[in-house]
Amino acid sequence: MYVYVNYPDPHFRMHWNAQCSEIRKSRKPGQRLVQIQVANLGQVLSDFIWGKYRFASEPSVNDLWLDISLNTREQEEGLVHVIQALVGRRYTRLAGAPVHTHCS
């Protein structure tokens, strides 16, 4: 699953279909991408807890892609909400941002 996190227009958009045209449209050169698998899940969560991923209204840090590959779709979707809660502690506009499914 790919998840697009946008800060200026706060939202999380989940893409279950890797071929979704919106994924290509939202990607830009130098795009931040966090790959998450079972093997690195603890480290990635630690990175979010300690604020490794910064957000601001600057082009280099105004959005982020997550590439999540866990054991089940439910785990992947649950992780999105956990990450939202973690970044929402520092960035209130992301705390209450809608989480949408774009393509399944």
PDB file of N, CA and C in Angstrom:
ATOM      1  N   MET A   1       0.845  -1.169   0.000  1.00  0.00           N
ATOM      2  CA  MET A   1       0.000   0.000   0.000  1.00  0.00           C
ATOM      3  C   MET A   1       0.888   1.228   0.000  1.00  0.00           C
ATOM      4  N   TYR A   2       0.492   2.233  -0.757  1.00  0.00           N
ATOM      5  CA  TYR A   2       1.164   3.526  -0.758  1.00  0.00           C
ATOM      6  C   TYR A   2       0.245   4.530  -0.088  1.00  0.00           C
ATOM      7  N   VAL A   3       0.839   5.389   0.733  1.00  0.00           N
ATOM      8  CA  VAL A   3       0.064   6.412   1.426  1.00  0.00           C
ATOM      9  C   VAL A   3       0.724   7.761   1.199  1.00  0.00           C
ATOM     10  N   TYR A   4      -0.068   8.701   0.747  1.00  0.00           N
ATOM     11  CA  TYR A   4       0.414  10.062   0.535  1.00  0.00           C
ATOM     12  C   TYR A   4      -0.019  10.907   1.722  1.00  0.00           C
ATOM     13  N   VAL A   5       0.944  11.560   2.356  1.00  0.00           N
ATOM     14  CA  VAL A   5       0.675  12.442   3.494  1.00  0.00           C
ATOM     15  C   VAL A   5       0.954  13.865   3.026  1.00  0.00           C
ATOM     16  N   ASN A   6      -0.053  14.716   3.072  1.00  0.00           N
ATOM     17  CA  ASN A   6       0.092  16.101   2.642  1.00  0.00           C
ATOM     18  C   ASN A   6      -0.098  17.010   3.839  1.00  0.00           C
ATOM     19  N   TYR A   7       0.825  17.930   4.044  1.00  0.00           N
ATOM     20  CA  TYR A   7       0.762  18.832   5.194  1.00  0.00           C
ATOM     21  C   TYR A   7       0.002  20.124   4.897  1.00  0.00           C
ATOM     22  N   PRO A   8       0.298  20.852   3.802  1.00  0.00           N
ATOM     23  CA  PRO A   8      -0.422  22.117   3.588  1.00  0.00           C
ATOM     24  C   PRO A   8      -1.927  21.929   3.426  1.00  0.00           C
ATOM     25  N   ASP A   9      -2.309  20.866   2.739  1.00  0.00           N
ATOM     26  CA  ASP A   9      -3.722  20.506   2.585  1.00  0.00           C
ATOM     27  C   ASP A   9      -3.864  19.188   3.352  1.00  0.00           C
ATOM     28  N   PRO A  10      -4.002  19.266   4.677  1.00  0.00           N
ATOM     29  CA  PRO A  10      -3.826  18.078   5.515  1.00  0.00           C
ATOM     30  C   PRO A  10      -4.745  16.909   5.160  1.00  0.00           C
ATOM     31  N   HIS A  11      -4.113  15.831   4.748  1.00  0.00           N
ATOM     32  CA  HIS A  11      -4.845  14.589   4.491  1.00  0.00           C
ATOM     33  C   HIS A  11      -3.858  13.442   4.323  1.00  0.00           C
ATOM     34  N   PHE A  12      -4.385  12.246   4.507  1.00  0.00           N
ATOM     35  CA  PHE A  12      -3.680  10.994   4.260  1.00  0.00           C
ATOM     36  C   PHE A  12      -4.490  10.271   3.192  1.00  0.00           C
ATOM     37  N   ARG A  13      -3.842   9.880   2.101  1.00  0.00           N
ATOM     38  CA  ARG A  13      -4.573   9.198   1.027  1.00  0.00           C
ATOM     39  C   ARG A  13      -3.932   7.830   0.794  1.00  0.00           C
ATOM     40  N   MET A  14      -4.710   6.781   1.046  1.00  0.00           N
ATOM     41  CA  MET A  14      -4.224   5.409   0.893  1.00  0.00           C
ATOM     42  C   MET A  14      -4.506   4.909  -0.522  1.00  0.00           C
ATOM     43  N   HIS A  15      -3.500   4.278  -1.098  1.00  0.00           N
ATOM     44  CA  HIS A  15      -3.605   3.701  -2.443  1.00  0.00           C
ATOM     45  C   HIS A  15      -3.264   2.222  -2.334  1.00  0.00           C
ATOM     46  N   TRP A  16      -4.239   1.383  -2.535  1.00  0.00           N
ATOM     47  CA  TRP A  16      -4.019  -0.064  -2.480  1.00  0.00           C
ATOM     48  C   TRP A  16      -3.528  -0.591  -3.817  1.00  0.00           C
ATOM     49  N   ASN A  17      -3.802   0.122  -4.885  1.00  0.00           N
ATOM     50  CA  ASN A  17      -3.395  -0.286  -6.225  1.00  0.00           C
ATOM     51  C   ASN A  17      -2.126   0.479  -6.592  1.00  0.00           C
ATOM     52  N   ALA A  18      -1.007  -0.225  -6.698  1.00  0.00           N
ATOM     53  CA  ALA A  18       0.284   0.411  -6.990  1.00  0.00           C
ATOM     54  C   ALA A  18       0.307   1.071  -8.370  1.00  0.00           C
ATOM     55  N   GLN A  19      -0.626   0.723  -9.240  1.00  0.00           N
ATOM     56  CA  GLN A  19      -0.682   1.299 -10.583  1.00  0.00           C
ATOM     57  C   GLN A  19      -1.569   2.547 -10.654  1.00  0.00           C
ATOM     58  N   CYS A  20      -2.073   2.996  -9.542  1.00  0.00           N
ATOM     59  CA  CYS A  20      -2.972   4.161  -9.511  1.00  0.00           C
ATOM     60  C   CYS A  20      -2.289   5.383 -10.130  1.00  0.00           C
ATOM     61  N   SER A  21      -2.977   6.046 -11.024  1.00  0.00           N
ATOM     62  CA  SER A  21      -2.408   7.210 -11.707  1.00  0.00           C
ATOM     63  C   SER A  21      -2.138   8.364 -10.745  1.00  0.00           C
ATOM     64  N   GLU A  22      -2.871   8.457  -9.656  1.00  0.00           N
ATOM     65  CA  GLU A  22      -2.653   9.522  -8.677  1.00  0.00           C
ATOM     66  C   GLU A  22      -1.289   9.402  -8.005  1.00  0.00           C
ATOM     67  N   ILE A  23      -0.763   8.187  -7.905  1.00  0.00           N
ATOM     68  CA  ILE A  23       0.562   8.000  -7.305  1.00  0.00           C
ATOM     69  C   ILE A  23       1.597   8.703  -8.171  1.00  0.00           C
ATOM     70  N   ARG A  24       1.542   8.481  -9.467  1.00  0.00           N
ATOM     71  CA  ARG A  24       2.500   9.127 -10.373  1.00  0.00           C
ATOM     72  C   ARG A  24       2.331  10.637 -10.373  1.00  0.00           C
ATOM     73  N   LYS A  25       1.107  11.127 -10.315  1.00  0.00           N
ATOM     74  CA  LYS A  25       0.864  12.565 -10.349  1.00  0.00           C
ATOM     75  C   LYS A  25       1.395  13.263  -9.101  1.00  0.00           C
ATOM     76  N   SER A  26       1.334  12.600  -7.952  1.00  0.00           N
ATOM     77  CA  SER A  26       1.743  13.247  -6.696  1.00  0.00           C
ATOM     78  C   SER A  26       3.225  13.104  -6.403  1.00  0.00           C
ATOM     79  N   ARG A  27       3.919  12.265  -7.130  1.00  0.00           N
ATOM     80  CA  ARG A  27       5.358  12.095  -6.899  1.00  0.00           C
ATOM     81  C   ARG A  27       6.117  13.220  -7.582  1.00  0.00           C
ATOM     82  N   LYS A  28       7.189  13.659  -6.946  1.00  0.00           N
ATOM     83  CA  LYS A  28       8.019  14.713  -7.510  1.00  0.00           C
ATOM     84  C   LYS A  28       9.486  14.323  -7.330  1.00  0.00           C
ATOM     85  N   PRO A  29      10.374  14.954  -8.073  1.00  0.00           N
ATOM     86  CA  PRO A  29      11.801  14.632  -7.916  1.00  0.00           C
ATOM     87  C   PRO A  29      12.248  14.859  -6.468  1.00  0.00           C
ATOM     88  N   GLY A  30      13.022  13.925  -5.946  1.00  0.00           N
ATOM     89  CA  GLY A  30      13.509  14.043  -4.576  1.00  0.00           C
ATOM     90  C   GLY A  30      12.455  13.780  -3.517  1.00  0.00           C
ATOM     91  N   GLN A  31      11.348  13.188  -3.919  1.00  0.00           N
ATOM     92  CA  GLN A  31      10.228  12.918  -3.003  1.00  0.00           C
ATOM     93  C   GLN A  31      10.663  12.081  -1.814  1.00  0.00           C
ATOM     94  N   ARG A  32      10.204  12.457  -0.649  1.00  0.00           N
ATOM     95  CA  ARG A  32      10.488  11.656   0.549  1.00  0.00           C
ATOM     96  C   ARG A  32       9.626  10.408   0.519  1.00  0.00           C
ATOM     97  N   LEU A  33      10.261   9.276   0.738  1.00  0.00           N
ATOM     98  CA  LEU A  33       9.581   7.986   0.737  1.00  0.00           C
ATOM     99  C   LEU A  33      10.092   7.173   1.911  1.00  0.00           C
ATOM    100  N   VAL A  34       9.170   6.680   2.709  1.00  0.00           N
ATOM    101  CA  VAL A  34       9.526   5.815   3.831  1.00  0.00           C
ATOM    102  C   VAL A  34       8.992   4.429   3.512  1.00  0.00           C
ATOM    103  N   GLN A  35       9.891   3.474   3.371  1.00  0.00           N
ATOM    104  CA  GLN A  35       9.491   2.095   3.110  1.00  0.00           C
ATOM    105  C   GLN A  35       9.367   1.371   4.443  1.00  0.00           C
ATOM    106  N   ILE A  36       8.226   0.729   4.645  1.00  0.00           N
ATOM    107  CA  ILE A  36       7.930   0.075   5.913  1.00  0.00           C
ATOM    108  C   ILE A  36       7.592  -1.383   5.670  1.00  0.00           C
ATOM    109  N   GLN A  37       8.356  -2.252   6.328  1.00  0.00           N
ATOM    110  CA  GLN A  37       8.131  -3.696   6.268  1.00  0.00           C
ATOM    111  C   GLN A  37       8.178  -4.223   7.690  1.00  0.00           C
ATOM    112  N   VAL A  38       7.801  -5.464   7.870  1.00  0.00           N
ATOM    113  CA  VAL A  38       7.815  -6.072   9.197  1.00  0.00           C
ATOM    114  C   VAL A  38       9.218  -5.940   9.808  1.00  0.00           C
ATOM    115  N   ALA A  39      10.248  -6.148   8.994  1.00  0.00           N
ATOM    116  CA  ALA A  39      11.628  -6.155   9.489  1.00  0.00           C
ATOM    117  C   ALA A  39      12.089  -4.804  10.037  1.00  0.00           C
ATOM    118  N   ASN A  40      11.560  -3.684   9.518  1.00  0.00           N
ATOM    119  CA  ASN A  40      12.014  -2.368   9.986  1.00  0.00           C
ATOM    120  C   ASN A  40      10.927  -1.576  10.706  1.00  0.00           C
ATOM    121  N   LEU A  41       9.823  -2.214  11.013  1.00  0.00           N
ATOM    122  CA  LEU A  41       8.682  -1.527  11.621  1.00  0.00           C
ATOM    123  C   LEU A  41       9.053  -0.820  12.917  1.00  0.00           C
ATOM    124  N   GLY A  42       9.787  -1.476  13.788  1.00  0.00           N
ATOM    125  CA  GLY A  42      10.172  -0.863  15.059  1.00  0.00           C
ATOM    126  C   GLY A  42      11.007   0.385  14.859  1.00  0.00           C
ATOM    127  N   GLN A  43      11.957   0.333  13.944  1.00  0.00           N
ATOM    128  CA  GLN A  43      12.811   1.491  13.679  1.00  0.00           C
ATOM    129  C   GLN A  43      12.010   2.652  13.095  1.00  0.00           C
ATOM    130  N   VAL A  44      11.118   2.342  12.163  1.00  0.00           N
ATOM    131  CA  VAL A  44      10.306   3.390  11.544  1.00  0.00           C
ATOM    132  C   VAL A  44       9.411   4.051  12.590  1.00  0.00           C
ATOM    133  N   LEU A  45       8.789   3.263  13.443  1.00  0.00           N
ATOM    134  CA  LEU A  45       7.954   3.846  14.495  1.00  0.00           C
ATOM    135  C   LEU A  45       8.793   4.719  15.423  1.00  0.00           C
ATOM    136  N   SER A  46       9.982   4.263  15.757  1.00  0.00           N
ATOM    137  CA  SER A  46      10.885   5.060  16.580  1.00  0.00           C
ATOM    138  C   SER A  46      11.222   6.382  15.893  1.00  0.00           C
ATOM    139  N   ASP A  47      11.468   6.338  14.594  1.00  0.00           N
ATOM    140  CA  ASP A  47      11.758   7.557  13.838  1.00  0.00           C
ATOM    141  C   ASP A  47      10.594   8.539  13.913  1.00  0.00           C
ATOM    142  N   PHE A  48       9.373   8.040  13.788  1.00  0.00           N
ATOM    143  CA  PHE A  48       8.205   8.927  13.891  1.00  0.00           C
ATOM    144  C   PHE A  48       8.035   9.442  15.318  1.00  0.00           C
ATOM    145  N   ILE A  49       8.279   8.604  16.300  1.00  0.00           N
ATOM    146  CA  ILE A  49       8.163   9.036  17.702  1.00  0.00           C
ATOM    147  C   ILE A  49       9.131  10.177  17.997  1.00  0.00           C
ATOM    148  N   TRP A  50      10.352  10.069  17.492  1.00  0.00           N
ATOM    149  CA  TRP A  50      11.387  11.065  17.795  1.00  0.00           C
ATOM    150  C   TRP A  50      11.430  12.223  16.812  1.00  0.00           C
ATOM    151  N   GLY A  51      10.468  12.289  15.901  1.00  0.00           N
ATOM    152  CA  GLY A  51      10.351  13.454  15.022  1.00  0.00           C
ATOM    153  C   GLY A  51      11.343  13.510  13.873  1.00  0.00           C
ATOM    154  N   LYS A  52      11.792  12.372  13.396  1.00  0.00           N
ATOM    155  CA  LYS A  52      12.737  12.360  12.271  1.00  0.00           C
ATOM    156  C   LYS A  52      12.133  12.986  11.019  1.00  0.00           C
ATOM    157  N   TYR A  53      10.835  12.807  10.824  1.00  0.00           N
ATOM    158  CA  TYR A  53      10.181  13.321   9.625  1.00  0.00           C
ATOM    159  C   TYR A  53       9.490  14.631   9.952  1.00  0.00           C
ATOM    160  N   ARG A  54      10.043  15.699   9.414  1.00  0.00           N
ATOM    161  CA  ARG A  54       9.561  17.048   9.675  1.00  0.00           C
ATOM    162  C   ARG A  54       8.559  17.443   8.581  1.00  0.00           C
ATOM    163  N   PHE A  55       7.590  18.256   8.964  1.00  0.00           N
ATOM    164  CA  PHE A  55       6.621  18.789   8.007  1.00  0.00           C
ATOM    165  C   PHE A  55       6.565  20.296   8.136  1.00  0.00           C
ATOM    166  N   ALA A  56       6.441  20.962   6.990  1.00  0.00           N
ATOM    167  CA  ALA A  56       6.292  22.424   6.943  1.00  0.00           C
ATOM    168  C   ALA A  56       5.710  22.767   5.576  1.00  0.00           C
ATOM    169  N   SER A  57       5.424  24.032   5.370  1.00  0.00           N
ATOM    170  CA  SER A  57       4.854  24.459   4.093  1.00  0.00           C
ATOM    171  C   SER A  57       5.925  24.756   3.053  1.00  0.00           C
ATOM    172  N   GLU A  58       7.074  24.149   3.183  1.00  0.00           N
ATOM    173  CA  GLU A  58       8.162  24.272   2.209  1.00  0.00           C
ATOM    174  C   GLU A  58       8.100  23.064   1.276  1.00  0.00           C
ATOM    175  N   PRO A  59       8.388  23.255  -0.005  1.00  0.00           N
ATOM    176  CA  PRO A  59       8.279  22.141  -0.953  1.00  0.00           C
ATOM    177  C   PRO A  59       9.054  20.880  -0.559  1.00  0.00           C
ATOM    178  N   SER A  60      10.197  21.010   0.075  1.00  0.00           N
ATOM    179  CA  SER A  60      10.997  19.825   0.401  1.00  0.00           C
ATOM    180  C   SER A  60      10.431  18.999   1.547  1.00  0.00           C
ATOM    181  N   VAL A  61       9.570  19.582   2.371  1.00  0.00           N
ATOM    182  CA  VAL A  61       9.040  18.857   3.536  1.00  0.00           C
ATOM    183  C   VAL A  61       7.526  19.002   3.693  1.00  0.00           C
ATOM    184  N   ASN A  62       6.827  19.331   2.603  1.00  0.00           N
ATOM    185  CA  ASN A  62       5.376  19.532   2.750  1.00  0.00           C
ATOM    186  C   ASN A  62       4.558  18.264   2.536  1.00  0.00           C
ATOM    187  N   ASP A  63       5.234  17.182   2.128  1.00  0.00           N
ATOM    188  CA  ASP A  63       4.515  15.930   1.952  1.00  0.00           C
ATOM    189  C   ASP A  63       5.471  14.760   2.127  1.00  0.00           C
ATOM    190  N   LEU A  64       4.893  13.554   2.122  1.00  0.00           N
ATOM    191  CA  LEU A  64       5.673  12.345   2.369  1.00  0.00           C
ATOM    192  C   LEU A  64       4.889  11.160   1.831  1.00  0.00           C
ATOM    193  N   TRP A  65       5.602  10.201   1.243  1.00  0.00           N
ATOM    194  CA  TRP A  65       4.984   8.944   0.810  1.00  0.00           C
ATOM    195  C   TRP A  65       5.405   7.832   1.751  1.00  0.00           C
ATOM    196  N   LEU A  66       4.475   6.968   2.075  1.00  0.00           N
ATOM    197  CA  LEU A  66       4.755   5.748   2.828  1.00  0.00           C
ATOM    198  C   LEU A  66       4.515   4.570   1.887  1.00  0.00           C
ATOM    199  N   ASP A  67       5.448   3.645   1.852  1.00  0.00           N
ATOM    200  CA  ASP A  67       5.303   2.405   1.086  1.00  0.00           C
ATOM    201  C   ASP A  67       5.243   1.303   2.135  1.00  0.00           C
ATOM    202  N   ILE A  68       4.036   0.829   2.435  1.00  0.00           N
ATOM    203  CA  ILE A  68       3.826  -0.102   3.544  1.00  0.00           C
ATOM    204  C   ILE A  68       3.562  -1.511   3.020  1.00  0.00           C
ATOM    205  N   SER A  69       4.368  -2.454   3.513  1.00  0.00           N
ATOM    206  CA  SER A  69       4.191  -3.870   3.146  1.00  0.00           C
ATOM    207  C   SER A  69       4.233  -4.703   4.423  1.00  0.00           C
ATOM    208  N   LEU A  70       3.069  -4.899   5.025  1.00  0.00           N
ATOM    209  CA  LEU A  70       2.973  -5.732   6.223  1.00  0.00           C
ATOM    210  C   LEU A  70       2.239  -7.022   5.867  1.00  0.00           C
ATOM    211  N   ASN A  71       1.854  -7.787   6.862  1.00  0.00           N
ATOM    212  CA  ASN A  71       1.248  -9.096   6.605  1.00  0.00           C
ATOM    213  C   ASN A  71      -0.187  -9.029   6.113  1.00  0.00           C
ATOM    214  N   THR A  72      -0.952  -8.044   6.573  1.00  0.00           N
ATOM    215  CA  THR A  72      -2.357  -7.961   6.175  1.00  0.00           C
ATOM    216  C   THR A  72      -2.742  -6.518   5.863  1.00  0.00           C
ATOM    217  N   ARG A  73      -3.788  -6.391   5.112  1.00  0.00           N
ATOM    218  CA  ARG A  73      -4.323  -5.075   4.779  1.00  0.00           C
ATOM    219  C   ARG A  73      -4.755  -4.329   6.048  1.00  0.00           C
ATOM    220  N   GLU A  74      -5.314  -5.055   7.002  1.00  0.00           N
ATOM    221  CA  GLU A  74      -5.754  -4.441   8.262  1.00  0.00           C
ATOM    222  C   GLU A  74      -4.567  -3.877   9.042  1.00  0.00           C
ATOM    223  N   GLN A  75      -3.453  -4.599   9.040  1.00  0.00           N
ATOM    224  CA  GLN A  75      -2.254  -4.098   9.718  1.00  0.00           C
ATOM    225  C   GLN A  75      -1.742  -2.827   9.038  1.00  0.00           C
ATOM    226  N   GLU A  76      -1.742  -2.828   7.728  1.00  0.00           N
ATOM    227  CA  GLU A  76      -1.261  -1.664   6.985  1.00  0.00           C
ATOM    228  C   GLU A  76      -2.132  -0.444   7.252  1.00  0.00           C
ATOM    229  N   GLU A  77      -3.435  -0.630   7.206  1.00  0.00           N
ATOM    230  CA  GLU A  77      -4.342   0.485   7.465  1.00  0.00           C
ATOM    231  C   GLU A  77      -4.224   0.953   8.908  1.00  0.00           C
ATOM    232  N   GLY A  78      -4.100   0.028   9.840  1.00  0.00           N
ATOM    233  CA  GLY A  78      -3.926   0.398  11.245  1.00  0.00           C
ATOM    234  C   GLY A  78      -2.659   1.198  11.462  1.00  0.00           C
ATOM    235  N   LEU A  79      -1.593   0.826  10.755  1.00  0.00           N
ATOM    236  CA  LEU A  79      -0.331   1.551  10.884  1.00  0.00           C
ATOM    237  C   LEU A  79      -0.473   2.994  10.421  1.00  0.00           C
ATOM    238  N   VAL A  80      -1.244   3.231   9.397  1.00  0.00           N
ATOM    239  CA  VAL A  80      -1.474   4.596   8.930  1.00  0.00           C
ATOM    240  C   VAL A  80      -2.043   5.437  10.068  1.00  0.00           C
ATOM    241  N   HIS A  81      -2.983   4.896  10.802  1.00  0.00           N
ATOM    242  CA  HIS A  81      -3.593   5.638  11.907  1.00  0.00           C
ATOM    243  C   HIS A  81      -2.614   5.831  13.063  1.00  0.00           C
ATOM    244  N   VAL A  82      -1.752   4.859  13.295  1.00  0.00           N
ATOM    245  CA  VAL A  82      -0.720   5.006  14.327  1.00  0.00           C
ATOM    246  C   VAL A  82       0.244   6.122  13.927  1.00  0.00           C
ATOM    247  N   ILE A  83       0.676   6.121  12.675  1.00  0.00           N
ATOM    248  CA  ILE A  83       1.586   7.164  12.205  1.00  0.00           C
ATOM    249  C   ILE A  83       0.910   8.524  12.271  1.00  0.00           C
ATOM    250  N   GLN A  84      -0.359   8.580  11.928  1.00  0.00           N
ATOM    251  CA  GLN A  84      -1.086   9.850  12.033  1.00  0.00           C
ATOM    252  C   GLN A  84      -1.087  10.348  13.474  1.00  0.00           C
ATOM    253  N   ALA A  85      -1.317   9.463  14.419  1.00  0.00           N
ATOM    254  CA  ALA A  85      -1.315   9.867  15.831  1.00  0.00           C
ATOM    255  C   ALA A  85       0.066  10.359  16.247  1.00  0.00           C
ATOM    256  N   LEU A  86       1.113   9.709  15.780  1.00  0.00           N
ATOM    257  CA  LEU A  86       2.474  10.115  16.147  1.00  0.00           C
ATOM    258  C   LEU A  86       2.839  11.473  15.564  1.00  0.00           C
ATOM    259  N   VAL A  87       2.598  11.694  14.286  1.00  0.00           N
ATOM    260  CA  VAL A  87       2.933  12.995  13.700  1.00  0.00           C
ATOM    261  C   VAL A  87       1.968  14.071  14.189  1.00  0.00           C
ATOM    262  N   GLY A  88       0.754  13.667  14.522  1.00  0.00           N
ATOM    263  CA  GLY A  88      -0.234  14.617  15.020  1.00  0.00           C
ATOM    264  C   GLY A  88       0.128  15.230  16.356  1.00  0.00           C
ATOM    265  N   ARG A  89       1.012  14.578  17.104  1.00  0.00           N
ATOM    266  CA  ARG A  89       1.471  15.161  18.372  1.00  0.00           C
ATOM    267  C   ARG A  89       2.282  16.422  18.130  1.00  0.00           C
ATOM    268  N   ARG A  90       2.991  16.493  17.032  1.00  0.00           N
ATOM    269  CA  ARG A  90       3.814  17.662  16.698  1.00  0.00           C
ATOM    270  C   ARG A  90       3.124  18.602  15.714  1.00  0.00           C
ATOM    271  N   TYR A  91       2.313  18.034  14.844  1.00  0.00           N
ATOM    272  CA  TYR A  91       1.693  18.801  13.761  1.00  0.00           C
ATOM    273  C   TYR A  91       0.180  18.650  13.864  1.00  0.00           C
ATOM    274  N   THR A  92      -0.449  19.567  14.577  1.00  0.00           N
ATOM    275  CA  THR A  92      -1.873  19.433  14.884  1.00  0.00           C
ATOM    276  C   THR A  92      -2.749  19.380  13.640  1.00  0.00           C
ATOM    277  N   ARG A  93      -2.335  20.024  12.569  1.00  0.00           N
ATOM    278  CA  ARG A  93      -3.179  19.976  11.362  1.00  0.00           C
ATOM    279  C   ARG A  93      -3.231  18.560  10.792  1.00  0.00           C
ATOM    280  N   LEU A  94      -2.218  17.731  11.059  1.00  0.00           N
ATOM    281  CA  LEU A  94      -2.262  16.335  10.609  1.00  0.00           C
ATOM    282  C   LEU A  94      -2.998  15.431  11.588  1.00  0.00           C
ATOM    283  N   ALA A  95      -3.109  15.858  12.846  1.00  0.00           N
ATOM    284  CA  ALA A  95      -3.768  15.030  13.868  1.00  0.00           C
ATOM    285  C   ALA A  95      -5.210  14.708  13.485  1.00  0.00           C
ATOM    286  N   GLY A  96      -5.928  15.686  12.996  1.00  0.00           N
ATOM    287  CA  GLY A  96      -7.332  15.482  12.647  1.00  0.00           C
ATOM    288  C   GLY A  96      -7.572  15.395  11.161  1.00  0.00           C
ATOM    289  N   ALA A  97      -6.503  15.225  10.392  1.00  0.00           N
ATOM    290  CA  ALA A  97      -6.640  15.183   8.934  1.00  0.00           C
ATOM    291  C   ALA A  97      -7.433  13.949   8.503  1.00  0.00           C
ATOM    292  N   PRO A  98      -8.230  14.084   7.466  1.00  0.00           N
ATOM    293  CA  PRO A  98      -8.970  12.913   6.984  1.00  0.00           C
ATOM    294  C   PRO A  98      -8.028  11.868   6.392  1.00  0.00           C
ATOM    295  N   VAL A  99      -8.425  10.604   6.558  1.00  0.00           N
ATOM    296  CA  VAL A  99      -7.697   9.478   5.965  1.00  0.00           C
ATOM    297  C   VAL A  99      -8.651   8.868   4.941  1.00  0.00           C
ATOM    298  N   HIS A 100      -8.280   8.972   3.684  1.00  0.00           N
ATOM    299  CA  HIS A 100      -9.141   8.481   2.606  1.00  0.00           C
ATOM    300  C   HIS A 100      -8.483   7.332   1.868  1.00  0.00           C
ATOM    301  N   THR A 101      -9.303   6.465   1.319  1.00  0.00           N
ATOM    302  CA  THR A 101      -8.823   5.458   0.386  1.00  0.00           C
ATOM    303  C   THR A 101      -9.079   5.994  -1.000  1.00  0.00           C
ATOM    304  N   HIS A 102      -8.040   6.066  -1.814  1.00  0.00           N
ATOM    305  CA  HIS A 102      -8.227   6.568  -3.172  1.00  0.00           C
ATOM    306  C   HIS A 102      -8.528   5.443  -4.137  1.00  0.00           C
ATOM    307  N   CYS A 103      -7.699   4.437  -4.178  1.00  0.00           N
ATOM    308  CA  CYS A 103      -7.962   3.316  -5.086  1.00  0.00           C
ATOM    309  C   CYS A 103      -7.687   2.006  -4.351  1.00  0.00           C
ATOM    310  N   SER A 104      -8.563   1.048  -4.553  1.00  0.00           N
ATOM    311  CA  SER A 104      -8.417  -0.206  -3.826  1.00  0.00           C
ATOM    312  C   SER A 104      -8.186  -1.384  -4.711  1.00  0.00           C
TER     313      SER A 104
END
